[in-house]
C-alpha cells in the first residue's frame, strides 16, 4: 500500500502520470455581453493534471496520487463562485486554483468551453486552453520552477 510519505522517499520509484478529466459541465456567469452577465450558462471544462505517482507492488492507494474528485470539485468551485468577462481569465483561474490545491501537481492544462456561445452561427462550442507549470504561477506557492 502506498503511504503519504512516499513522495519524500528516494527509494520509491515514481512515474510521470497525466490525470484527465473530460467534459465537466458546470453552470457559471461569465462573458462580455450583458445577457451573459445576467444568468448562468453551461461551461465545459477539461483538465490534464501531471503528477508523479509511485509504481510497483504495494503502491495501489489513493494517497499515492492526486484525487481527480478533488480536482473536479476545485474546478467547479471556481466556475460557479467567480465571474469573469473572458473565458481566458476563467481558464487561468481554474489552472491557478488546481496548482495551489496540491503541491504534487507539477503541471496542469485547462480547457474551458462555452457550450452555447452567443453567435449568429451554429457552433458546437468555443473555448480556450491554458497550460501552467508549478513555479510559473505566483498562486502555486512555489517559485522553484
N, C-alpha and C. Protein backbone atom coordinates (compact mmCIF):
# COMPACT_ATOMS: atom_id res chain seq x y z
N UNK A 1 0.84 -1.18 0.00
CA UNK A 1 0.00 0.00 0.00
C UNK A 1 0.89 1.25 0.00
N UNK A 2 0.49 2.22 -0.77
CA UNK A 2 1.23 3.48 -0.84
C UNK A 2 1.03 4.28 0.45
N UNK A 3 2.08 4.97 0.84
CA UNK A 3 2.00 5.78 2.05
C UNK A 3 2.15 7.25 1.67
N UNK A 4 1.51 8.16 2.41
CA UNK A 4 1.62 9.58 2.10
C UNK A 4 3.04 10.11 2.09
N UNK A 5 3.95 9.49 2.84
CA UNK A 5 5.32 9.99 2.90
C UNK A 5 6.20 9.42 1.78
N UNK A 6 5.61 8.62 0.84
CA UNK A 6 6.38 8.06 -0.25
C UNK A 6 7.03 9.13 -1.12
N UNK A 7 6.42 10.30 -1.22
CA UNK A 7 6.97 11.37 -2.05
C UNK A 7 8.34 11.81 -1.56
N UNK A 8 8.62 11.61 -0.29
CA UNK A 8 9.88 12.04 0.30
C UNK A 8 10.95 10.95 0.25
N UNK A 9 10.55 9.73 -0.10
CA UNK A 9 11.48 8.61 -0.04
C UNK A 9 12.20 8.43 -1.37
N UNK A 10 13.55 8.46 -1.36
CA UNK A 10 14.30 8.30 -2.61
C UNK A 10 14.21 6.89 -3.17
N UNK A 11 13.87 5.88 -2.34
CA UNK A 11 13.83 4.50 -2.81
C UNK A 11 12.51 4.14 -3.48
N UNK A 12 11.56 5.06 -3.54
CA UNK A 12 10.28 4.80 -4.18
C UNK A 12 10.35 5.28 -5.62
N UNK A 13 10.10 4.36 -6.56
CA UNK A 13 10.10 4.71 -7.98
C UNK A 13 8.80 5.43 -8.30
N UNK A 14 8.94 6.57 -8.97
CA UNK A 14 7.78 7.37 -9.34
C UNK A 14 7.77 7.55 -10.85
N UNK A 15 6.58 7.60 -11.41
CA UNK A 15 6.45 7.73 -12.85
C UNK A 15 5.52 8.91 -13.17
N UNK A 16 5.94 9.77 -14.12
CA UNK A 16 5.05 10.87 -14.53
C UNK A 16 3.74 10.31 -15.08
N UNK A 17 2.65 10.86 -14.60
CA UNK A 17 1.33 10.39 -14.98
C UNK A 17 0.42 11.59 -15.22
N UNK A 18 -0.44 11.47 -16.22
CA UNK A 18 -1.39 12.54 -16.51
C UNK A 18 -2.78 12.08 -16.11
N UNK A 19 -3.40 12.82 -15.20
CA UNK A 19 -4.77 12.57 -14.80
C UNK A 19 -5.66 13.42 -15.71
N UNK A 20 -6.66 12.81 -16.33
CA UNK A 20 -7.53 13.50 -17.26
C UNK A 20 -8.96 13.56 -16.75
N UNK A 21 -9.55 14.74 -16.84
CA UNK A 21 -10.98 14.93 -16.59
C UNK A 21 -11.53 15.54 -17.87
N UNK A 22 -12.58 14.95 -18.41
CA UNK A 22 -13.15 15.44 -19.66
C UNK A 22 -14.61 15.83 -19.49
N UNK A 23 -14.93 16.99 -20.06
CA UNK A 23 -16.29 17.47 -20.21
C UNK A 23 -17.05 17.62 -18.88
N UNK A 24 -16.38 18.23 -17.91
CA UNK A 24 -17.05 18.60 -16.67
C UNK A 24 -18.02 19.73 -17.02
N UNK A 25 -19.30 19.52 -16.85
CA UNK A 25 -20.31 20.54 -17.19
C UNK A 25 -20.71 21.29 -15.94
N UNK A 26 -20.52 22.62 -15.98
CA UNK A 26 -20.77 23.48 -14.83
C UNK A 26 -21.46 24.75 -15.30
N UNK A 27 -22.41 25.21 -14.51
CA UNK A 27 -23.09 26.47 -14.81
C UNK A 27 -22.31 27.62 -14.17
N UNK A 28 -22.14 28.71 -14.92
CA UNK A 28 -21.43 29.87 -14.40
C UNK A 28 -21.84 31.14 -15.12
N UNK A 29 -21.51 32.27 -14.52
CA UNK A 29 -21.82 33.57 -15.10
C UNK A 29 -20.52 34.20 -15.57
N UNK A 30 -20.24 34.04 -16.87
CA UNK A 30 -19.01 34.56 -17.46
C UNK A 30 -19.33 35.04 -18.87
N UNK A 31 -18.78 36.18 -19.24
CA UNK A 31 -18.97 36.66 -20.60
C UNK A 31 -18.91 38.18 -20.66
N UNK A 32 -18.83 38.68 -21.87
CA UNK A 32 -18.71 40.11 -22.12
C UNK A 32 -20.08 40.76 -22.31
N UNK A 33 -20.98 40.07 -22.98
CA UNK A 33 -22.29 40.64 -23.32
C UNK A 33 -23.20 40.73 -22.10
N UNK A 34 -24.06 41.76 -22.07
CA UNK A 34 -24.97 41.92 -20.92
C UNK A 34 -25.82 40.68 -20.64
N UNK A 35 -26.32 40.02 -21.69
CA UNK A 35 -27.15 38.82 -21.46
C UNK A 35 -26.35 37.68 -20.85
N UNK A 36 -25.03 37.64 -21.07
CA UNK A 36 -24.20 36.61 -20.47
C UNK A 36 -23.95 36.88 -18.99
N UNK A 37 -24.07 38.14 -18.60
CA UNK A 37 -23.79 38.54 -17.22
C UNK A 37 -25.05 38.47 -16.35
N UNK A 38 -26.19 38.20 -16.96
CA UNK A 38 -27.45 38.22 -16.22
C UNK A 38 -27.86 36.85 -15.67
N UNK A 39 -27.40 35.77 -16.31
CA UNK A 39 -27.78 34.45 -15.81
C UNK A 39 -26.70 33.43 -16.15
N UNK A 40 -26.71 32.36 -15.42
CA UNK A 40 -25.71 31.31 -15.61
C UNK A 40 -25.92 30.61 -16.95
N UNK A 41 -24.81 30.19 -17.53
CA UNK A 41 -24.83 29.42 -18.77
C UNK A 41 -23.88 28.23 -18.60
N UNK A 42 -24.03 27.19 -19.43
CA UNK A 42 -23.18 26.00 -19.27
C UNK A 42 -21.77 26.19 -19.83
N UNK A 43 -20.80 25.69 -19.07
CA UNK A 43 -19.41 25.65 -19.48
C UNK A 43 -18.92 24.22 -19.38
N UNK A 44 -18.06 23.83 -20.30
CA UNK A 44 -17.43 22.52 -20.27
C UNK A 44 -15.96 22.72 -19.92
N UNK A 45 -15.46 21.94 -18.98
CA UNK A 45 -14.07 22.07 -18.53
C UNK A 45 -13.36 20.73 -18.70
N UNK A 46 -12.17 20.79 -19.31
CA UNK A 46 -11.27 19.63 -19.38
C UNK A 46 -10.05 19.96 -18.54
N UNK A 47 -9.54 18.95 -17.85
CA UNK A 47 -8.35 19.11 -17.01
C UNK A 47 -7.34 18.02 -17.36
N UNK A 48 -6.10 18.41 -17.57
CA UNK A 48 -4.97 17.49 -17.63
C UNK A 48 -4.04 17.88 -16.50
N UNK A 49 -3.86 16.98 -15.54
CA UNK A 49 -3.04 17.27 -14.36
C UNK A 49 -1.88 16.29 -14.31
N UNK A 50 -0.66 16.81 -14.30
CA UNK A 50 0.53 15.96 -14.31
C UNK A 50 1.07 15.79 -12.90
N UNK A 51 1.27 14.53 -12.52
CA UNK A 51 1.75 14.19 -11.18
C UNK A 51 2.66 12.97 -11.29
N UNK A 52 3.65 12.88 -10.43
CA UNK A 52 4.50 11.69 -10.35
C UNK A 52 3.87 10.75 -9.34
N UNK A 53 3.55 9.53 -9.78
CA UNK A 53 2.92 8.57 -8.88
C UNK A 53 3.88 7.41 -8.62
N UNK A 54 3.82 6.82 -7.41
CA UNK A 54 4.65 5.66 -7.11
C UNK A 54 4.19 4.46 -7.92
N UNK A 55 5.13 3.64 -8.36
CA UNK A 55 4.81 2.45 -9.13
C UNK A 55 5.40 1.22 -8.45
N UNK A 56 4.89 0.06 -8.84
CA UNK A 56 5.41 -1.19 -8.30
C UNK A 56 4.45 -1.80 -7.30
N UNK A 57 4.84 -2.96 -6.83
CA UNK A 57 3.98 -3.66 -5.88
C UNK A 57 3.84 -2.86 -4.59
N UNK A 58 2.66 -2.89 -4.06
CA UNK A 58 2.41 -2.20 -2.80
C UNK A 58 2.04 -0.73 -2.95
N UNK A 59 1.90 -0.26 -4.18
CA UNK A 59 1.55 1.15 -4.40
C UNK A 59 0.24 1.24 -5.17
N UNK A 60 -0.83 0.92 -4.49
CA UNK A 60 -2.15 0.94 -5.12
C UNK A 60 -3.15 1.60 -4.19
N UNK A 61 -2.87 2.84 -3.81
CA UNK A 61 -3.76 3.56 -2.91
C UNK A 61 -3.87 5.01 -3.35
N UNK A 62 -5.00 5.62 -3.07
CA UNK A 62 -5.27 7.00 -3.47
C UNK A 62 -4.24 7.98 -2.92
N UNK A 63 -3.65 7.65 -1.78
CA UNK A 63 -2.67 8.57 -1.17
C UNK A 63 -1.43 8.77 -2.04
N UNK A 64 -1.19 7.87 -3.00
CA UNK A 64 -0.03 7.99 -3.85
C UNK A 64 -0.23 8.87 -5.07
N UNK A 65 -1.42 9.40 -5.22
CA UNK A 65 -1.72 10.22 -6.39
C UNK A 65 -2.57 11.42 -5.99
N UNK A 66 -3.05 12.13 -6.98
CA UNK A 66 -3.96 13.25 -6.75
C UNK A 66 -5.37 12.76 -7.07
N UNK A 67 -6.29 12.98 -6.18
CA UNK A 67 -7.68 12.53 -6.32
C UNK A 67 -8.38 13.37 -7.38
N UNK A 68 -8.82 12.74 -8.48
CA UNK A 68 -9.49 13.51 -9.53
C UNK A 68 -10.81 14.10 -9.06
N UNK A 69 -11.42 13.50 -8.05
CA UNK A 69 -12.64 14.07 -7.48
C UNK A 69 -12.39 15.43 -6.86
N UNK A 70 -11.23 15.58 -6.23
CA UNK A 70 -10.87 16.88 -5.65
C UNK A 70 -10.58 17.90 -6.75
N UNK A 71 -9.98 17.47 -7.86
CA UNK A 71 -9.74 18.37 -8.98
C UNK A 71 -11.07 18.88 -9.55
N UNK A 72 -12.01 17.97 -9.69
CA UNK A 72 -13.34 18.32 -10.21
C UNK A 72 -14.02 19.33 -9.30
N UNK A 73 -14.02 19.07 -8.00
CA UNK A 73 -14.67 19.98 -7.05
C UNK A 73 -14.03 21.36 -7.08
N UNK A 74 -12.71 21.40 -7.14
CA UNK A 74 -11.99 22.67 -7.14
C UNK A 74 -12.32 23.46 -8.42
N UNK A 75 -12.27 22.80 -9.57
CA UNK A 75 -12.57 23.47 -10.84
C UNK A 75 -14.01 23.96 -10.88
N UNK A 76 -14.94 23.12 -10.47
CA UNK A 76 -16.35 23.51 -10.45
C UNK A 76 -16.57 24.70 -9.52
N UNK A 77 -15.87 24.71 -8.40
CA UNK A 77 -15.99 25.82 -7.46
C UNK A 77 -15.56 27.15 -8.06
N UNK A 78 -14.49 27.14 -8.85
CA UNK A 78 -14.03 28.38 -9.49
C UNK A 78 -15.07 28.86 -10.50
N UNK A 79 -15.60 27.95 -11.31
CA UNK A 79 -16.57 28.34 -12.33
C UNK A 79 -17.84 28.89 -11.71
N UNK A 80 -18.32 28.27 -10.64
CA UNK A 80 -19.59 28.69 -10.05
C UNK A 80 -19.48 29.88 -9.11
N UNK A 81 -18.32 30.09 -8.50
CA UNK A 81 -18.22 31.13 -7.46
C UNK A 81 -17.59 32.43 -7.93
N UNK A 82 -17.06 32.45 -9.15
CA UNK A 82 -16.43 33.66 -9.66
C UNK A 82 -17.17 34.11 -10.91
N UNK A 83 -16.83 35.29 -11.40
CA UNK A 83 -17.42 35.80 -12.63
C UNK A 83 -16.37 36.61 -13.39
N UNK A 84 -16.09 36.19 -14.61
CA UNK A 84 -15.11 36.86 -15.45
C UNK A 84 -15.73 37.22 -16.79
N UNK A 85 -15.20 38.24 -17.43
CA UNK A 85 -15.66 38.57 -18.77
C UNK A 85 -15.08 37.59 -19.79
N UNK A 86 -13.82 37.23 -19.63
CA UNK A 86 -13.14 36.39 -20.62
C UNK A 86 -13.00 34.95 -20.13
N UNK A 87 -13.22 34.00 -21.04
CA UNK A 87 -13.01 32.60 -20.66
C UNK A 87 -11.51 32.31 -20.51
N UNK A 88 -10.67 33.13 -21.12
CA UNK A 88 -9.23 33.01 -20.90
C UNK A 88 -8.88 33.22 -19.43
N UNK A 89 -9.51 34.24 -18.84
CA UNK A 89 -9.28 34.53 -17.42
C UNK A 89 -9.84 33.43 -16.55
N UNK A 90 -11.00 32.92 -16.91
CA UNK A 90 -11.61 31.81 -16.16
C UNK A 90 -10.70 30.58 -16.20
N UNK A 91 -10.21 30.22 -17.38
CA UNK A 91 -9.33 29.04 -17.50
C UNK A 91 -8.06 29.22 -16.67
N UNK A 92 -7.50 30.44 -16.69
CA UNK A 92 -6.31 30.71 -15.90
C UNK A 92 -6.60 30.60 -14.40
N UNK A 93 -7.77 31.08 -13.97
CA UNK A 93 -8.14 30.99 -12.55
C UNK A 93 -8.31 29.54 -12.12
N UNK A 94 -8.89 28.71 -12.98
CA UNK A 94 -9.03 27.28 -12.67
C UNK A 94 -7.65 26.64 -12.56
N UNK A 95 -6.77 26.91 -13.53
CA UNK A 95 -5.43 26.33 -13.50
C UNK A 95 -4.66 26.75 -12.25
N UNK A 96 -4.73 28.02 -11.90
CA UNK A 96 -4.04 28.51 -10.70
C UNK A 96 -4.58 27.84 -9.44
N UNK A 97 -5.89 27.70 -9.37
CA UNK A 97 -6.51 27.06 -8.21
C UNK A 97 -6.08 25.60 -8.08
N UNK A 98 -6.02 24.90 -9.20
CA UNK A 98 -5.60 23.49 -9.16
C UNK A 98 -4.16 23.36 -8.70
N UNK A 99 -3.27 24.18 -9.24
CA UNK A 99 -1.86 24.12 -8.82
C UNK A 99 -1.72 24.43 -7.33
N UNK A 100 -2.49 25.38 -6.84
CA UNK A 100 -2.41 25.75 -5.43
C UNK A 100 -3.00 24.67 -4.52
N UNK A 101 -3.82 23.79 -5.07
CA UNK A 101 -4.53 22.81 -4.24
C UNK A 101 -3.68 21.63 -3.81
N UNK A 102 -2.63 21.32 -4.57
CA UNK A 102 -1.84 20.13 -4.24
C UNK A 102 -0.42 20.30 -4.78
N UNK A 103 0.56 20.29 -3.88
CA UNK A 103 1.96 20.52 -4.27
C UNK A 103 2.52 19.41 -5.14
N UNK A 104 1.85 18.26 -5.19
CA UNK A 104 2.33 17.17 -6.05
C UNK A 104 2.06 17.43 -7.52
N UNK A 105 1.16 18.36 -7.83
CA UNK A 105 0.89 18.69 -9.22
C UNK A 105 2.05 19.50 -9.79
N UNK A 106 2.65 18.99 -10.85
CA UNK A 106 3.77 19.68 -11.48
C UNK A 106 3.29 20.62 -12.58
N UNK A 107 2.17 20.26 -13.19
CA UNK A 107 1.69 21.00 -14.35
C UNK A 107 0.21 20.70 -14.55
N UNK A 108 -0.54 21.69 -15.02
CA UNK A 108 -1.94 21.48 -15.37
C UNK A 108 -2.23 22.17 -16.69
N UNK A 109 -3.15 21.60 -17.43
CA UNK A 109 -3.70 22.25 -18.62
C UNK A 109 -5.21 22.24 -18.44
N UNK A 110 -5.83 23.36 -18.70
CA UNK A 110 -7.26 23.51 -18.51
C UNK A 110 -7.87 24.06 -19.79
N UNK A 111 -8.91 23.40 -20.27
CA UNK A 111 -9.68 23.88 -21.40
C UNK A 111 -11.06 24.27 -20.88
N UNK A 112 -11.50 25.47 -21.23
CA UNK A 112 -12.85 25.93 -20.88
C UNK A 112 -13.57 26.23 -22.18
N UNK A 113 -14.78 25.67 -22.31
CA UNK A 113 -15.60 25.92 -23.49
C UNK A 113 -16.95 26.49 -23.09
N UNK A 114 -17.41 27.48 -23.87
CA UNK A 114 -18.79 27.92 -23.78
C UNK A 114 -19.59 26.96 -24.65
N UNK A 115 -20.54 26.28 -24.04
CA UNK A 115 -21.31 25.28 -24.76
C UNK A 115 -22.35 25.94 -25.68
N UNK A 116 -22.88 27.07 -25.27
CA UNK A 116 -23.85 27.81 -26.08
C UNK A 116 -23.39 29.25 -26.24
N UNK A 117 -22.37 29.49 -27.06
CA UNK A 117 -21.86 30.85 -27.22
C UNK A 117 -22.88 31.73 -27.96
N UNK A 118 -22.90 33.02 -27.64
CA UNK A 118 -23.85 33.93 -28.29
C UNK A 118 -23.34 34.37 -29.67
N UNK A 119 -23.50 33.49 -30.64
CA UNK A 119 -23.04 33.76 -32.00
C UNK A 119 -24.20 33.62 -32.99
N UNK A 120 -24.14 34.34 -34.11
CA UNK A 120 -25.21 34.24 -35.10
C UNK A 120 -25.15 32.93 -35.91
N UNK A 121 -24.08 32.15 -35.75
CA UNK A 121 -23.93 30.89 -36.46
C UNK A 121 -23.92 29.74 -35.47
N UNK A 122 -24.34 28.59 -35.92
CA UNK A 122 -24.39 27.41 -35.06
C UNK A 122 -23.00 26.80 -34.94
N UNK A 123 -22.46 26.77 -33.72
CA UNK A 123 -21.18 26.11 -33.45
C UNK A 123 -21.36 25.18 -32.25
N UNK A 124 -20.54 24.14 -32.20
CA UNK A 124 -20.63 23.22 -31.08
C UNK A 124 -20.20 23.85 -29.78
N UNK A 125 -19.12 24.63 -29.83
CA UNK A 125 -18.63 25.35 -28.66
C UNK A 125 -17.50 26.26 -29.10
N UNK A 126 -17.13 27.18 -28.23
CA UNK A 126 -15.91 27.96 -28.39
C UNK A 126 -15.14 27.81 -27.09
N UNK A 127 -13.82 27.85 -27.18
CA UNK A 127 -13.07 27.65 -25.94
C UNK A 127 -11.63 28.08 -26.03
N UNK A 128 -10.97 27.97 -24.88
CA UNK A 128 -9.55 28.27 -24.77
C UNK A 128 -8.89 27.18 -23.93
N UNK A 129 -7.60 27.04 -24.14
CA UNK A 129 -6.80 26.09 -23.35
C UNK A 129 -5.59 26.83 -22.81
N UNK A 130 -5.36 26.70 -21.52
CA UNK A 130 -4.17 27.27 -20.90
C UNK A 130 -3.38 26.15 -20.24
N UNK A 131 -2.07 26.29 -20.23
CA UNK A 131 -1.19 25.33 -19.56
C UNK A 131 -0.31 26.10 -18.59
N UNK A 132 -0.21 25.58 -17.37
CA UNK A 132 0.60 26.23 -16.34
C UNK A 132 1.46 25.19 -15.65
N UNK A 133 2.71 25.58 -15.35
CA UNK A 133 3.64 24.73 -14.60
C UNK A 133 3.83 25.31 -13.21
N UNK A 134 4.09 24.45 -12.27
CA UNK A 134 4.42 24.92 -10.93
C UNK A 134 5.64 25.82 -11.03
N UNK A 135 5.57 26.95 -10.37
CA UNK A 135 6.66 27.90 -10.43
C UNK A 135 6.42 29.03 -11.42
N UNK A 136 5.56 28.78 -12.44
CA UNK A 136 5.19 29.82 -13.39
C UNK A 136 4.15 30.75 -12.80
N UNK A 137 3.48 30.30 -11.75
CA UNK A 137 2.30 30.97 -11.24
C UNK A 137 2.51 31.35 -9.78
N UNK A 138 2.43 32.64 -9.43
CA UNK A 138 2.62 33.04 -8.03
C UNK A 138 1.63 32.36 -7.08
N UNK A 139 0.43 32.04 -7.55
CA UNK A 139 -0.59 31.41 -6.69
C UNK A 139 -0.25 29.97 -6.38
N UNK A 140 0.70 29.37 -7.14
CA UNK A 140 1.03 27.97 -6.91
C UNK A 140 1.82 27.78 -5.63
N UNK A 141 2.34 28.87 -5.08
CA UNK A 141 3.04 28.78 -3.82
C UNK A 141 4.45 28.23 -3.94
N UNK A 142 4.99 28.19 -5.15
CA UNK A 142 6.33 27.65 -5.34
C UNK A 142 7.01 28.40 -6.46
N UNK A 143 8.15 28.95 -6.20
CA UNK A 143 8.87 29.67 -7.23
C UNK A 143 10.15 28.96 -7.62
N UNK A 144 10.24 27.67 -7.30
CA UNK A 144 11.47 26.93 -7.55
C UNK A 144 11.57 26.44 -8.98
N UNK A 145 10.42 26.46 -9.73
CA UNK A 145 10.44 26.06 -11.14
C UNK A 145 10.44 24.65 -11.34
